[in-house]
């Protein structure tokens, strides 16, 4: 193996290893949001809406934070 190949391999493995932490945090947030919204649902349609809200909760969070900061 040449030096450039070793360097490229090291850089790639470091980048891939550090990417896993954000995915785990998002997964925990997804599960928590699903539990939160699921507990508030009473009908079949609300359960479907709870799943949708759990998937897009970061958009709600960013919107509310930006609204409070800017507005």
N, C-alpha and C. Protein backbone atom coordinates (compact mmCIF):
# COMPACT_ATOMS: atom_id res chain seq x y z
N UNK A 1 0.83 -1.18 0.00
CA UNK A 1 0.00 0.00 0.00
C UNK A 1 0.87 1.24 0.00
N UNK A 2 0.48 2.19 -0.77
CA UNK A 2 1.24 3.44 -0.81
C UNK A 2 0.77 4.36 0.31
N UNK A 3 1.54 5.41 0.54
CA UNK A 3 1.20 6.35 1.60
C UNK A 3 -0.11 7.08 1.32
N UNK A 4 -0.37 7.42 0.07
CA UNK A 4 -1.61 8.14 -0.25
C UNK A 4 -2.83 7.23 -0.04
N UNK A 5 -2.68 5.93 -0.31
CA UNK A 5 -3.78 5.00 -0.10
C UNK A 5 -4.07 4.85 1.40
N UNK A 6 -3.02 4.77 2.22
CA UNK A 6 -3.21 4.68 3.67
C UNK A 6 -3.89 5.92 4.21
N UNK A 7 -3.48 7.09 3.77
CA UNK A 7 -4.07 8.34 4.23
C UNK A 7 -5.53 8.41 3.83
N UNK A 8 -5.83 8.03 2.60
CA UNK A 8 -7.21 8.05 2.12
C UNK A 8 -8.06 7.08 2.95
N UNK A 9 -7.54 5.90 3.25
CA UNK A 9 -8.27 4.92 4.04
C UNK A 9 -8.52 5.44 5.44
N UNK A 10 -7.52 6.06 6.07
CA UNK A 10 -7.68 6.61 7.41
C UNK A 10 -8.72 7.71 7.44
N UNK A 11 -8.68 8.61 6.49
CA UNK A 11 -9.64 9.71 6.44
C UNK A 11 -11.05 9.19 6.26
N UNK A 12 -11.22 8.22 5.41
CA UNK A 12 -12.55 7.68 5.16
C UNK A 12 -13.08 6.97 6.40
N UNK A 13 -12.27 6.19 7.09
CA UNK A 13 -12.74 5.45 8.25
C UNK A 13 -13.05 6.39 9.41
N UNK A 14 -12.31 7.47 9.58
CA UNK A 14 -12.59 8.43 10.64
C UNK A 14 -13.90 9.15 10.36
N UNK A 15 -14.14 9.55 9.12
CA UNK A 15 -15.38 10.23 8.77
C UNK A 15 -16.59 9.33 8.95
N UNK A 16 -16.47 8.08 8.60
CA UNK A 16 -17.60 7.16 8.74
C UNK A 16 -17.86 6.85 10.21
N UNK A 17 -16.84 6.77 11.02
CA UNK A 17 -17.03 6.45 12.43
C UNK A 17 -17.71 7.59 13.17
N UNK A 18 -17.43 8.83 12.82
CA UNK A 18 -18.02 9.94 13.54
C UNK A 18 -19.45 10.23 13.11
N UNK A 19 -19.88 9.68 11.99
CA UNK A 19 -21.23 9.96 11.50
C UNK A 19 -22.29 9.18 12.27
N UNK A 20 -21.94 8.14 12.98
CA UNK A 20 -22.91 7.32 13.68
C UNK A 20 -23.56 7.98 14.87
N UNK A 21 -22.90 8.93 15.50
CA UNK A 21 -23.45 9.56 16.69
C UNK A 21 -24.69 10.38 16.40
N UNK A 22 -24.70 11.12 15.31
CA UNK A 22 -25.86 11.92 14.95
C UNK A 22 -27.06 11.06 14.62
N UNK A 23 -26.83 9.93 13.98
CA UNK A 23 -27.92 9.04 13.64
C UNK A 23 -28.55 8.45 14.90
N UNK A 24 -27.75 8.13 15.89
CA UNK A 24 -28.27 7.58 17.14
C UNK A 24 -29.10 8.62 17.89
N UNK A 25 -28.65 9.85 17.90
CA UNK A 25 -29.40 10.92 18.57
C UNK A 25 -30.72 11.14 17.85
N UNK A 26 -30.70 11.15 16.54
CA UNK A 26 -31.94 11.32 15.78
C UNK A 26 -32.90 10.16 16.03
N UNK A 27 -32.38 8.95 16.10
CA UNK A 27 -33.23 7.78 16.36
C UNK A 27 -33.88 7.87 17.74
N UNK A 28 -33.13 8.30 18.74
CA UNK A 28 -33.71 8.46 20.08
C UNK A 28 -34.78 9.55 20.08
N UNK A 29 -34.52 10.63 19.37
CA UNK A 29 -35.52 11.69 19.25
C UNK A 29 -36.76 11.22 18.52
N UNK A 30 -36.58 10.41 17.49
CA UNK A 30 -37.70 9.86 16.75
C UNK A 30 -38.56 8.97 17.63
N UNK A 31 -37.93 8.11 18.41
CA UNK A 31 -38.67 7.23 19.31
C UNK A 31 -39.40 8.04 20.38
N UNK A 32 -38.72 9.02 20.95
CA UNK A 32 -39.35 9.85 21.97
C UNK A 32 -40.53 10.63 21.42
N UNK A 33 -40.38 11.19 20.22
CA UNK A 33 -41.47 11.94 19.60
C UNK A 33 -42.64 11.02 19.27
N UNK A 34 -42.35 9.82 18.81
CA UNK A 34 -43.41 8.87 18.50
C UNK A 34 -44.20 8.50 19.76
N UNK A 35 -43.51 8.25 20.85
CA UNK A 35 -44.18 7.94 22.11
C UNK A 35 -45.03 9.13 22.57
N UNK A 36 -44.47 10.33 22.49
CA UNK A 36 -45.18 11.53 22.92
C UNK A 36 -46.46 11.74 22.11
N UNK A 37 -46.35 11.72 20.79
CA UNK A 37 -47.51 11.95 19.94
C UNK A 37 -48.50 10.79 20.00
N UNK A 38 -48.00 9.57 20.16
CA UNK A 38 -48.86 8.38 20.23
C UNK A 38 -49.76 8.44 21.46
N UNK A 39 -49.23 8.91 22.58
CA UNK A 39 -50.02 8.98 23.80
C UNK A 39 -51.15 9.99 23.70
N UNK A 40 -51.03 10.98 22.84
CA UNK A 40 -52.06 11.99 22.69
C UNK A 40 -53.13 11.61 21.68
N UNK A 41 -52.92 10.54 20.92
CA UNK A 41 -53.85 10.15 19.87
C UNK A 41 -55.01 9.34 20.45
N UNK A 42 -56.21 9.53 19.84
CA UNK A 42 -57.40 8.81 20.28
C UNK A 42 -58.06 8.00 19.17
N UNK A 43 -57.79 8.33 17.93
CA UNK A 43 -58.43 7.62 16.82
C UNK A 43 -57.38 7.14 15.83
N UNK A 44 -57.85 6.34 14.86
CA UNK A 44 -56.93 5.78 13.88
C UNK A 44 -56.22 6.88 13.09
N UNK A 45 -56.96 7.89 12.68
CA UNK A 45 -56.37 9.00 11.94
C UNK A 45 -55.33 9.75 12.75
N UNK A 46 -55.58 9.91 14.04
CA UNK A 46 -54.61 10.60 14.89
C UNK A 46 -53.36 9.76 15.10
N UNK A 47 -53.50 8.43 15.11
CA UNK A 47 -52.33 7.57 15.22
C UNK A 47 -51.45 7.70 13.96
N UNK A 48 -52.09 7.77 12.80
CA UNK A 48 -51.32 7.98 11.57
C UNK A 48 -50.64 9.35 11.58
N UNK A 49 -51.35 10.36 12.06
CA UNK A 49 -50.77 11.69 12.16
C UNK A 49 -49.61 11.71 13.17
N UNK A 50 -49.73 10.92 14.22
CA UNK A 50 -48.65 10.84 15.22
C UNK A 50 -47.37 10.28 14.59
N UNK A 51 -47.52 9.29 13.73
CA UNK A 51 -46.35 8.72 13.05
C UNK A 51 -45.72 9.76 12.13
N UNK A 52 -46.55 10.48 11.39
CA UNK A 52 -46.04 11.52 10.49
C UNK A 52 -45.34 12.62 11.28
N UNK A 53 -45.93 13.07 12.37
CA UNK A 53 -45.32 14.12 13.19
C UNK A 53 -43.99 13.65 13.78
N UNK A 54 -43.93 12.38 14.18
CA UNK A 54 -42.69 11.85 14.75
C UNK A 54 -41.57 11.85 13.72
N UNK A 55 -41.91 11.65 12.45
CA UNK A 55 -40.89 11.64 11.41
C UNK A 55 -40.36 13.03 11.08
N UNK A 56 -41.20 14.05 11.23
CA UNK A 56 -40.80 15.41 10.82
C UNK A 56 -40.65 16.36 12.01
N UNK A 57 -40.50 15.84 13.22
CA UNK A 57 -40.40 16.71 14.40
C UNK A 57 -39.22 17.68 14.34
N UNK A 58 -38.10 17.37 13.70
CA UNK A 58 -37.02 18.38 13.65
C UNK A 58 -37.44 19.65 12.91
N UNK A 59 -38.31 19.50 11.90
CA UNK A 59 -38.77 20.69 11.18
C UNK A 59 -39.59 21.59 12.10
N UNK A 60 -40.45 20.99 12.92
CA UNK A 60 -41.22 21.77 13.89
C UNK A 60 -40.30 22.47 14.89
N UNK A 61 -39.29 21.75 15.34
CA UNK A 61 -38.36 22.30 16.33
C UNK A 61 -37.59 23.49 15.75
N UNK A 62 -37.05 23.34 14.57
CA UNK A 62 -36.28 24.42 13.93
C UNK A 62 -37.18 25.62 13.67
N UNK A 63 -38.41 25.37 13.22
CA UNK A 63 -39.34 26.47 12.96
C UNK A 63 -39.63 27.26 14.23
N UNK A 64 -39.91 26.57 15.32
CA UNK A 64 -40.22 27.24 16.58
C UNK A 64 -39.02 28.00 17.13
N UNK A 65 -37.82 27.43 17.02
CA UNK A 65 -36.62 28.10 17.50
C UNK A 65 -36.35 29.37 16.68
N UNK A 66 -36.43 29.26 15.38
CA UNK A 66 -36.20 30.42 14.54
C UNK A 66 -37.26 31.49 14.74
N UNK A 67 -38.49 31.07 14.94
CA UNK A 67 -39.57 32.03 15.18
C UNK A 67 -39.35 32.78 16.49
N UNK A 68 -38.90 32.08 17.51
CA UNK A 68 -38.65 32.75 18.79
C UNK A 68 -37.41 33.65 18.75
N UNK A 69 -36.42 33.28 17.96
CA UNK A 69 -35.21 34.09 17.85
C UNK A 69 -35.41 35.34 16.98
N UNK A 70 -36.14 35.17 15.91
CA UNK A 70 -36.28 36.24 14.94
C UNK A 70 -37.56 37.05 15.10
N UNK A 71 -38.49 36.51 15.83
CA UNK A 71 -39.74 37.18 15.74
C UNK A 71 -40.48 37.65 16.87
